[in-house]
């Protein structure tokens, strides 16, 4: 499994969340299996989003789409950061 982690500051979470929920890139059609939206407890003006993929190529396509989207609009006060990771192991307790 591959995880695309996106992190950025947001000036207003509710407005950002409406844009995220609008799903302008069609996450499901690109291959996103699941997502998680997180905010640091000590910094609610920042979000972290994990997008899960089965295939690396799908994750890379989404990353390219995100970077293109970020050139067209401002969703944050600082440029977003994104990194593609490969899940090596998971466990539950």
PDB file of N, CA and C in Angstrom:
ATOM      1  N   UNK A   1       0.858  -1.172   0.000  1.00  0.00           N
ATOM      2  CA  UNK A   1       0.000   0.000   0.000  1.00  0.00           C
ATOM      3  C   UNK A   1       0.901   1.230   0.000  1.00  0.00           C
ATOM      4  N   UNK A   2       0.406   2.288  -0.631  1.00  0.00           N
ATOM      5  CA  UNK A   2       1.116   3.557  -0.708  1.00  0.00           C
ATOM      6  C   UNK A   2       0.254   4.632  -0.074  1.00  0.00           C
ATOM      7  N   UNK A   3       0.903   5.567   0.599  1.00  0.00           N
ATOM      8  CA  UNK A   3       0.202   6.670   1.242  1.00  0.00           C
ATOM      9  C   UNK A   3       0.797   7.974   0.743  1.00  0.00           C
ATOM     10  N   UNK A   4      -0.056   8.814   0.238  1.00  0.00           N
ATOM     11  CA  UNK A   4       0.346  10.168  -0.132  1.00  0.00           C
ATOM     12  C   UNK A   4      -0.036  11.058   1.033  1.00  0.00           C
ATOM     13  N   UNK A   5       0.974  11.619   1.702  1.00  0.00           N
ATOM     14  CA  UNK A   5       0.723  12.499   2.849  1.00  0.00           C
ATOM     15  C   UNK A   5       0.860  13.937   2.384  1.00  0.00           C
ATOM     16  N   UNK A   6      -0.195  14.709   2.610  1.00  0.00           N
ATOM     17  CA  UNK A   6      -0.225  16.120   2.257  1.00  0.00           C
ATOM     18  C   UNK A   6      -0.340  16.902   3.557  1.00  0.00           C
ATOM     19  N   UNK A   7       0.416  17.984   3.651  1.00  0.00           N
ATOM     20  CA  UNK A   7       0.372  18.801   4.864  1.00  0.00           C
ATOM     21  C   UNK A   7       0.450  20.265   4.473  1.00  0.00           C
ATOM     22  N   UNK A   8      -0.428  21.067   5.072  1.00  0.00           N
ATOM     23  CA  UNK A   8      -0.346  22.503   4.850  1.00  0.00           C
ATOM     24  C   UNK A   8      -1.160  23.280   5.866  1.00  0.00           C
ATOM     25  N   UNK A   9      -0.838  24.563   5.943  1.00  0.00           N
ATOM     26  CA  UNK A   9      -1.582  25.471   6.811  1.00  0.00           C
ATOM     27  C   UNK A   9      -2.878  25.848   6.105  1.00  0.00           C
ATOM     28  N   UNK A  10      -3.918  26.079   6.889  1.00  0.00           N
ATOM     29  CA  UNK A  10      -5.190  26.538   6.330  1.00  0.00           C
ATOM     30  C   UNK A  10      -5.671  27.738   7.151  1.00  0.00           C
ATOM     31  N   UNK A  11      -6.038  28.820   6.466  1.00  0.00           N
ATOM     32  CA  UNK A  11      -6.485  30.002   7.211  1.00  0.00           C
ATOM     33  C   UNK A  11      -7.832  29.803   7.903  1.00  0.00           C
ATOM     34  N   UNK A  12      -8.696  28.986   7.297  1.00  0.00           N
ATOM     35  CA  UNK A  12     -10.015  28.724   7.877  1.00  0.00           C
ATOM     36  C   UNK A  12     -10.381  27.272   7.578  1.00  0.00           C
ATOM     37  N   UNK A  13     -10.350  26.436   8.603  1.00  0.00           N
ATOM     38  CA  UNK A  13     -10.561  25.003   8.411  1.00  0.00           C
ATOM     39  C   UNK A  13     -11.888  24.694   7.738  1.00  0.00           C
ATOM     40  N   UNK A  14     -12.967  25.324   8.165  1.00  0.00           N
ATOM     41  CA  UNK A  14     -14.287  24.998   7.625  1.00  0.00           C
ATOM     42  C   UNK A  14     -14.348  25.257   6.118  1.00  0.00           C
ATOM     43  N   UNK A  15     -13.771  26.371   5.663  1.00  0.00           N
ATOM     44  CA  UNK A  15     -13.759  26.669   4.228  1.00  0.00           C
ATOM     45  C   UNK A  15     -12.895  25.656   3.488  1.00  0.00           C
ATOM     46  N   UNK A  16     -11.747  25.321   4.063  1.00  0.00           N
ATOM     47  CA  UNK A  16     -10.882  24.324   3.441  1.00  0.00           C
ATOM     48  C   UNK A  16     -11.614  22.982   3.347  1.00  0.00           C
ATOM     49  N   UNK A  17     -12.316  22.607   4.418  1.00  0.00           N
ATOM     50  CA  UNK A  17     -13.003  21.307   4.450  1.00  0.00           C
ATOM     51  C   UNK A  17     -14.100  21.243   3.397  1.00  0.00           C
ATOM     52  N   UNK A  18     -14.811  22.338   3.176  1.00  0.00           N
ATOM     53  CA  UNK A  18     -15.830  22.357   2.115  1.00  0.00           C
ATOM     54  C   UNK A  18     -15.181  22.108   0.753  1.00  0.00           C
ATOM     55  N   UNK A  19     -14.038  22.731   0.516  1.00  0.00           N
ATOM     56  CA  UNK A  19     -13.322  22.519  -0.752  1.00  0.00           C
ATOM     57  C   UNK A  19     -12.848  21.068  -0.857  1.00  0.00           C
ATOM     58  N   UNK A  20     -12.331  20.516   0.229  1.00  0.00           N
ATOM     59  CA  UNK A  20     -11.880  19.122   0.237  1.00  0.00           C
ATOM     60  C   UNK A  20     -13.050  18.185  -0.041  1.00  0.00           C
ATOM     61  N   UNK A  21     -14.174  18.422   0.621  1.00  0.00           N
ATOM     62  CA  UNK A  21     -15.356  17.572   0.431  1.00  0.00           C
ATOM     63  C   UNK A  21     -15.923  17.687  -0.982  1.00  0.00           C
ATOM     64  N   UNK A  22     -15.682  18.819  -1.642  1.00  0.00           N
ATOM     65  CA  UNK A  22     -16.110  18.987  -3.032  1.00  0.00           C
ATOM     66  C   UNK A  22     -15.350  18.069  -3.982  1.00  0.00           C
ATOM     67  N   UNK A  23     -14.209  17.564  -3.543  1.00  0.00           N
ATOM     68  CA  UNK A  23     -13.428  16.564  -4.275  1.00  0.00           C
ATOM     69  C   UNK A  23     -13.172  16.957  -5.740  1.00  0.00           C
ATOM     70  N   UNK A  24     -12.504  18.098  -5.958  1.00  0.00           N
ATOM     71  CA  UNK A  24     -12.309  18.576  -7.331  1.00  0.00           C
ATOM     72  C   UNK A  24     -11.459  17.655  -8.215  1.00  0.00           C
ATOM     73  N   UNK A  25     -10.691  16.751  -7.615  1.00  0.00           N
ATOM     74  CA  UNK A  25      -9.834  15.863  -8.410  1.00  0.00           C
ATOM     75  C   UNK A  25     -10.402  14.453  -8.539  1.00  0.00           C
ATOM     76  N   UNK A  26     -11.539  14.181  -7.955  1.00  0.00           N
ATOM     77  CA  UNK A  26     -12.147  12.859  -8.060  1.00  0.00           C
ATOM     78  C   UNK A  26     -11.274  11.781  -7.441  1.00  0.00           C
ATOM     79  N   UNK A  27     -11.093  11.861  -6.133  1.00  0.00           N
ATOM     80  CA  UNK A  27     -10.185  10.929  -5.449  1.00  0.00           C
ATOM     81  C   UNK A  27     -10.484   9.470  -5.772  1.00  0.00           C
ATOM     82  N   UNK A  28     -11.729   9.079  -5.736  1.00  0.00           N
ATOM     83  CA  UNK A  28     -12.073   7.680  -5.999  1.00  0.00           C
ATOM     84  C   UNK A  28     -11.702   7.238  -7.401  1.00  0.00           C
ATOM     85  N   UNK A  29     -11.923   8.099  -8.374  1.00  0.00           N
ATOM     86  CA  UNK A  29     -11.617   7.757  -9.768  1.00  0.00           C
ATOM     87  C   UNK A  29     -10.121   7.634 -10.013  1.00  0.00           C
ATOM     88  N   UNK A  30      -9.321   8.314  -9.203  1.00  0.00           N
ATOM     89  CA  UNK A  30      -7.864   8.260  -9.367  1.00  0.00           C
ATOM     90  C   UNK A  30      -7.270   7.040  -8.648  1.00  0.00           C
ATOM     91  N   UNK A  31      -8.022   6.453  -7.733  1.00  0.00           N
ATOM     92  CA  UNK A  31      -7.537   5.252  -7.061  1.00  0.00           C
ATOM     93  C   UNK A  31      -7.363   5.364  -5.569  1.00  0.00           C
ATOM     94  N   UNK A  32      -7.856   6.441  -4.959  1.00  0.00           N
ATOM     95  CA  UNK A  32      -7.764   6.569  -3.504  1.00  0.00           C
ATOM     96  C   UNK A  32      -8.694   5.544  -2.869  1.00  0.00           C
ATOM     97  N   UNK A  33      -8.155   4.702  -1.989  1.00  0.00           N
ATOM     98  CA  UNK A  33      -8.951   3.685  -1.288  1.00  0.00           C
ATOM     99  C   UNK A  33      -9.585   4.235  -0.029  1.00  0.00           C
ATOM    100  N   UNK A  34      -8.838   5.108   0.663  1.00  0.00           N
ATOM    101  CA  UNK A  34      -9.306   5.679   1.925  1.00  0.00           C
ATOM    102  C   UNK A  34      -8.523   6.960   2.168  1.00  0.00           C
ATOM    103  N   UNK A  35      -9.049   7.794   3.070  1.00  0.00           N
ATOM    104  CA  UNK A  35      -8.313   8.998   3.436  1.00  0.00           C
ATOM    105  C   UNK A  35      -8.500   9.274   4.916  1.00  0.00           C
ATOM    106  N   UNK A  36      -7.582  10.044   5.460  1.00  0.00           N
ATOM    107  CA  UNK A  36      -7.651  10.526   6.831  1.00  0.00           C
ATOM    108  C   UNK A  36      -7.302  12.008   6.817  1.00  0.00           C
ATOM    109  N   UNK A  37      -8.099  12.822   7.503  1.00  0.00           N
ATOM    110  CA  UNK A  37      -7.807  14.236   7.681  1.00  0.00           C
ATOM    111  C   UNK A  37      -7.490  14.425   9.153  1.00  0.00           C
ATOM    112  N   UNK A  38      -6.342  15.024   9.427  1.00  0.00           N
ATOM    113  CA  UNK A  38      -5.884  15.213  10.804  1.00  0.00           C
ATOM    114  C   UNK A  38      -5.465  16.665  11.012  1.00  0.00           C
ATOM    115  N   UNK A  39      -5.599  17.110  12.265  1.00  0.00           N
ATOM    116  CA  UNK A  39      -5.084  18.421  12.658  1.00  0.00           C
ATOM    117  C   UNK A  39      -4.276  18.244  13.928  1.00  0.00           C
ATOM    118  N   UNK A  40      -3.106  18.867  13.999  1.00  0.00           N
ATOM    119  CA  UNK A  40      -2.353  18.805  15.253  1.00  0.00           C
ATOM    120  C   UNK A  40      -3.143  19.456  16.383  1.00  0.00           C
ATOM    121  N   UNK A  41      -3.150  18.841  17.530  1.00  0.00           N
ATOM    122  CA  UNK A  41      -3.896  19.357  18.675  1.00  0.00           C
ATOM    123  C   UNK A  41      -3.424  20.771  19.024  1.00  0.00           C
ATOM    124  N   UNK A  42      -2.132  21.000  18.940  1.00  0.00           N
ATOM    125  CA  UNK A  42      -1.590  22.308  19.304  1.00  0.00           C
ATOM    126  C   UNK A  42      -1.578  23.321  18.176  1.00  0.00           C
ATOM    127  N   UNK A  43      -2.009  22.942  16.971  1.00  0.00           N
ATOM    128  CA  UNK A  43      -1.988  23.855  15.818  1.00  0.00           C
ATOM    129  C   UNK A  43      -3.175  23.560  14.904  1.00  0.00           C
ATOM    130  N   UNK A  44      -4.393  23.960  15.287  1.00  0.00           N
ATOM    131  CA  UNK A  44      -5.574  23.643  14.478  1.00  0.00           C
ATOM    132  C   UNK A  44      -5.624  24.376  13.133  1.00  0.00           C
ATOM    133  N   UNK A  45      -4.665  25.241  12.862  1.00  0.00           N
ATOM    134  CA  UNK A  45      -4.610  25.929  11.580  1.00  0.00           C
ATOM    135  C   UNK A  45      -3.764  25.188  10.553  1.00  0.00           C
ATOM    136  N   UNK A  46      -3.477  23.937  10.836  1.00  0.00           N
ATOM    137  CA  UNK A  46      -2.694  23.110   9.915  1.00  0.00           C
ATOM    138  C   UNK A  46      -3.419  21.781   9.746  1.00  0.00           C
ATOM    139  N   UNK A  47      -3.391  21.234   8.537  1.00  0.00           N
ATOM    140  CA  UNK A  47      -4.005  19.925   8.293  1.00  0.00           C
ATOM    141  C   UNK A  47      -2.981  18.973   7.703  1.00  0.00           C
ATOM    142  N   UNK A  48      -3.203  17.709   7.970  1.00  0.00           N
ATOM    143  CA  UNK A  48      -2.444  16.623   7.372  1.00  0.00           C
ATOM    144  C   UNK A  48      -3.468  15.666   6.785  1.00  0.00           C
ATOM    145  N   UNK A  49      -3.264  15.280   5.550  1.00  0.00           N
ATOM    146  CA  UNK A  49      -4.187  14.381   4.867  1.00  0.00           C
ATOM    147  C   UNK A  49      -3.403  13.179   4.382  1.00  0.00           C
ATOM    148  N   UNK A  50      -3.853  11.997   4.715  1.00  0.00           N
ATOM    149  CA  UNK A  50      -3.276  10.759   4.187  1.00  0.00           C
ATOM    150  C   UNK A  50      -4.248  10.182   3.170  1.00  0.00           C
ATOM    151  N   UNK A  51      -3.755   9.931   1.969  1.00  0.00           N
ATOM    152  CA  UNK A  51      -4.544   9.295   0.917  1.00  0.00           C
ATOM    153  C   UNK A  51      -3.933   7.925   0.663  1.00  0.00           C
ATOM    154  N   UNK A  52      -4.709   6.865   0.804  1.00  0.00           N
ATOM    155  CA  UNK A  52      -4.227   5.489   0.647  1.00  0.00           C
ATOM    156  C   UNK A  52      -4.478   4.983  -0.768  1.00  0.00           C
ATOM    157  N   UNK A  53      -3.485   4.301  -1.322  1.00  0.00           N
ATOM    158  CA  UNK A  53      -3.552   3.746  -2.678  1.00  0.00           C
ATOM    159  C   UNK A  53      -3.043   2.311  -2.679  1.00  0.00           C
ATOM    160  N   UNK A  54      -3.554   1.499  -3.582  1.00  0.00           N
ATOM    161  CA  UNK A  54      -3.018   0.160  -3.800  1.00  0.00           C
ATOM    162  C   UNK A  54      -1.800   0.206  -4.714  1.00  0.00           C
ATOM    163  N   UNK A  55      -1.810   1.126  -5.662  1.00  0.00           N
ATOM    164  CA  UNK A  55      -0.763   1.163  -6.680  1.00  0.00           C
ATOM    165  C   UNK A  55       0.021   2.465  -6.628  1.00  0.00           C
ATOM    166  N   UNK A  56       1.332   2.338  -6.740  1.00  0.00           N
ATOM    167  CA  UNK A  56       2.218   3.504  -6.724  1.00  0.00           C
ATOM    168  C   UNK A  56       1.882   4.470  -7.862  1.00  0.00           C
ATOM    169  N   UNK A  57       1.602   3.930  -9.033  1.00  0.00           N
ATOM    170  CA  UNK A  57       1.320   4.779 -10.189  1.00  0.00           C
ATOM    171  C   UNK A  57       0.105   5.662  -9.947  1.00  0.00           C
ATOM    172  N   UNK A  58      -0.910   5.131  -9.288  1.00  0.00           N
ATOM    173  CA  UNK A  58      -2.103   5.927  -8.975  1.00  0.00           C
ATOM    174  C   UNK A  58      -1.753   7.065  -8.015  1.00  0.00           C
ATOM    175  N   UNK A  59      -0.938   6.768  -7.023  1.00  0.00           N
ATOM    176  CA  UNK A  59      -0.515   7.792  -6.067  1.00  0.00           C
ATOM    177  C   UNK A  59       0.303   8.873  -6.763  1.00  0.00           C
ATOM    178  N   UNK A  60       1.160   8.480  -7.674  1.00  0.00           N
ATOM    179  CA  UNK A  60       1.966   9.450  -8.409  1.00  0.00           C
ATOM    180  C   UNK A  60       1.101  10.328  -9.308  1.00  0.00           C
ATOM    181  N   UNK A  61       0.072   9.738  -9.910  1.00  0.00           N
ATOM    182  CA  UNK A  61      -0.858  10.529 -10.722  1.00  0.00           C
ATOM    183  C   UNK A  61      -1.596  11.553  -9.863  1.00  0.00           C
ATOM    184  N   UNK A  62      -2.026  11.143  -8.677  1.00  0.00           N
ATOM    185  CA  UNK A  62      -2.716  12.068  -7.781  1.00  0.00           C
ATOM    186  C   UNK A  62      -1.772  13.180  -7.343  1.00  0.00           C
ATOM    187  N   UNK A  63      -0.546  12.862  -7.041  1.00  0.00           N
ATOM    188  CA  UNK A  63       0.414  13.883  -6.643  1.00  0.00           C
ATOM    189  C   UNK A  63       0.599  14.907  -7.765  1.00  0.00           C
ATOM    190  N   UNK A  64       0.705  14.447  -8.987  1.00  0.00           N
ATOM    191  CA  UNK A  64       0.837  15.361 -10.126  1.00  0.00           C
ATOM    192  C   UNK A  64      -0.410  16.235 -10.257  1.00  0.00           C
ATOM    193  N   UNK A  65      -1.582  15.660 -10.077  1.00  0.00           N
ATOM    194  CA  UNK A  65      -2.831  16.433 -10.152  1.00  0.00           C
ATOM    195  C   UNK A  65      -2.900  17.476  -9.044  1.00  0.00           C
ATOM    196  N   UNK A  66      -2.485  17.083  -7.838  1.00  0.00           N
ATOM    197  CA  UNK A  66      -2.490  18.028  -6.726  1.00  0.00           C
ATOM    198  C   UNK A  66      -1.554  19.201  -7.001  1.00  0.00           C
ATOM    199  N   UNK A  67      -0.361  18.903  -7.460  1.00  0.00           N
ATOM    200  CA  UNK A  67       0.608  19.978  -7.739  1.00  0.00           C
ATOM    201  C   UNK A  67       0.077  20.925  -8.807  1.00  0.00           C
ATOM    202  N   UNK A  68      -0.594  20.390  -9.798  1.00  0.00           N
ATOM    203  CA  UNK A  68      -1.179  21.236 -10.833  1.00  0.00           C
ATOM    204  C   UNK A  68      -2.304  22.086 -10.243  1.00  0.00           C
ATOM    205  N   UNK A  69      -3.141  21.491  -9.398  1.00  0.00           N
ATOM    206  CA  UNK A  69      -4.227  22.228  -8.751  1.00  0.00           C
ATOM    207  C   UNK A  69      -3.665  23.367  -7.903  1.00  0.00           C
ATOM    208  N   UNK A  70      -2.603  23.106  -7.176  1.00  0.00           N
ATOM    209  CA  UNK A  70      -2.019  24.121  -6.300  1.00  0.00           C
ATOM    210  C   UNK A  70      -1.486  25.321  -7.077  1.00  0.00           C
ATOM    211  N   UNK A  71      -1.166  25.146  -8.350  1.00  0.00           N
ATOM    212  CA  UNK A  71      -0.709  26.286  -9.145  1.00  0.00           C
ATOM    213  C   UNK A  71      -1.878  27.191  -9.543  1.00  0.00           C
ATOM    214  N   UNK A  72      -3.097  26.663  -9.493  1.00  0.00           N
ATOM    215  CA  UNK A  72      -4.280  27.414  -9.930  1.00  0.00           C
ATOM    216  C   UNK A  72      -5.040  28.102  -8.823  1.00  0.00           C
ATOM    217  N   UNK A  73      -4.871  27.672  -7.582  1.00  0.00           N
ATOM    218  CA  UNK A  73      -5.636  28.286  -6.501  1.00  0.00           C
ATOM    219  C   UNK A  73      -4.859  28.279  -5.208  1.00  0.00           C
ATOM    220  N   UNK A  74      -5.287  29.119  -4.311  1.00  0.00           N
ATOM    221  CA  UNK A  74      -4.650  29.214  -3.008  1.00  0.00           C
ATOM    222  C   UNK A  74      -5.568  28.581  -1.975  1.00  0.00           C
ATOM    223  N   UNK A  75      -5.117  27.489  -1.393  1.00  0.00           N
ATOM    224  CA  UNK A  75      -5.913  26.828  -0.348  1.00  0.00           C
ATOM    225  C   UNK A  75      -5.270  27.001   1.012  1.00  0.00           C
ATOM    226  N   UNK A  76      -4.081  27.591   1.046  1.00  0.00           N
ATOM    227  CA  UNK A  76      -3.360  27.691   2.304  1.00  0.00           C
ATOM    228  C   UNK A  76      -2.508  28.947   2.315  1.00  0.00           C
ATOM    229  N   UNK A  77      -2.078  29.318   3.506  1.00  0.00           N
ATOM    230  CA  UNK A  77      -1.236  30.494   3.651  1.00  0.00           C
ATOM    231  C   UNK A  77       0.212  30.200   3.286  1.00  0.00           C
ATOM    232  N   UNK A  78       0.615  28.948   3.324  1.00  0.00           N
ATOM    233  CA  UNK A  78       1.953  28.537   2.903  1.00  0.00           C
ATOM    234  C   UNK A  78       1.800  27.421   1.871  1.00  0.00           C
ATOM    235  N   UNK A  79       2.789  27.255   1.017  1.00  0.00           N
ATOM    236  CA  UNK A  79       2.658  26.204   0.002  1.00  0.00           C
ATOM    237  C   UNK A  79       2.484  24.823   0.638  1.00  0.00           C
ATOM    238  N   UNK A  80       1.596  24.012   0.104  1.00  0.00           N
ATOM    239  CA  UNK A  80       1.411  22.654   0.624  1.00  0.00           C
ATOM    240  C   UNK A  80       2.670  21.811   0.415  1.00  0.00           C
ATOM    241  N   UNK A  81       2.816  20.816   1.234  1.00  0.00           N
ATOM    242  CA  UNK A  81       3.912  19.866   1.120  1.00  0.00           C
ATOM    243  C   UNK A  81       3.287  18.491   0.931  1.00  0.00           C
ATOM    244  N   UNK A  82       3.875  17.673   0.081  1.00  0.00           N
ATOM    245  CA  UNK A  82       3.337  16.333  -0.147  1.00  0.00           C
ATOM    246  C   UNK A  82       4.493  15.360  -0.307  1.00  0.00           C
ATOM    247  N   UNK A  83       4.276  14.141   0.184  1.00  0.00           N
ATOM    248  CA  UNK A  83       5.301  13.110   0.091  1.00  0.00           C
ATOM    249  C   UNK A  83       4.624  11.755  -0.100  1.00  0.00           C
ATOM    250  N   UNK A  84       5.159  10.976  -1.019  1.00  0.00           N
ATOM    251  CA  UNK A  84       4.653   9.631  -1.264  1.00  0.00           C
ATOM    252  C   UNK A  84       5.450   8.645  -0.425  1.00  0.00           C
ATOM    253  N   UNK A  85       4.730   7.805   0.315  1.00  0.00           N
ATOM    254  CA  UNK A  85       5.384   6.809   1.167  1.00  0.00           C
ATOM    255  C   UNK A  85       4.836   5.418   0.831  1.00  0.00           C
ATOM    256  N   UNK A  86       5.625   4.419   1.169  1.00  0.00           N
ATOM    257  CA  UNK A  86       5.203   3.019   1.009  1.00  0.00           C
ATOM    258  C   UNK A  86       5.034   2.427   2.402  1.00  0.00           C
ATOM    259  N   UNK A  87       3.894   1.819   2.646  1.00  0.00           N
ATOM    260  CA  UNK A  87       3.645   1.186   3.933  1.00  0.00           C
ATOM    261  C   UNK A  87       4.403  -0.137   3.959  1.00  0.00           C
ATOM    262  N   UNK A  88       5.286  -0.245   4.927  1.00  0.00           N
ATOM    263  CA  UNK A  88       6.104  -1.461   5.044  1.00  0.00           C
ATOM    264  C   UNK A  88       5.518  -2.459   6.034  1.00  0.00           C
ATOM    265  N   UNK A  89       4.811  -1.960   7.037  1.00  0.00           N
ATOM    266  CA  UNK A  89       4.257  -2.846   8.055  1.00  0.00           C
ATOM    267  C   UNK A  89       3.188  -2.096   8.830  1.00  0.00           C
ATOM    268  N   UNK A  90       2.149  -2.793   9.229  1.00  0.00           N
ATOM    269  CA  UNK A  90       1.141  -2.231  10.119  1.00  0.00           C
ATOM    270  C   UNK A  90       0.847  -3.244  11.211  1.00  0.00           C
ATOM    271  N   UNK A  91       0.286  -2.784  12.292  1.00  0.00           N
ATOM    272  CA  UNK A  91      -0.081  -3.673  13.397  1.00  0.00           C
ATOM    273  C   UNK A  91      -1.179  -3.024  14.223  1.00  0.00           C
ATOM    274  N   UNK A  92      -1.821  -3.818  15.027  1.00  0.00           N
ATOM    275  CA  UNK A  92      -2.882  -3.326  15.919  1.00  0.00           C
ATOM    276  C   UNK A  92      -2.662  -3.912  17.309  1.00  0.00           C
ATOM    277  N   UNK A  93      -3.048  -3.121  18.301  1.00  0.00           N
ATOM    278  CA  UNK A  93      -2.985  -3.573  19.686  1.00  0.00           C
ATOM    279  C   UNK A  93      -4.329  -3.430  20.324  1.00  0.00           C
TER     280      UNK A  93
END
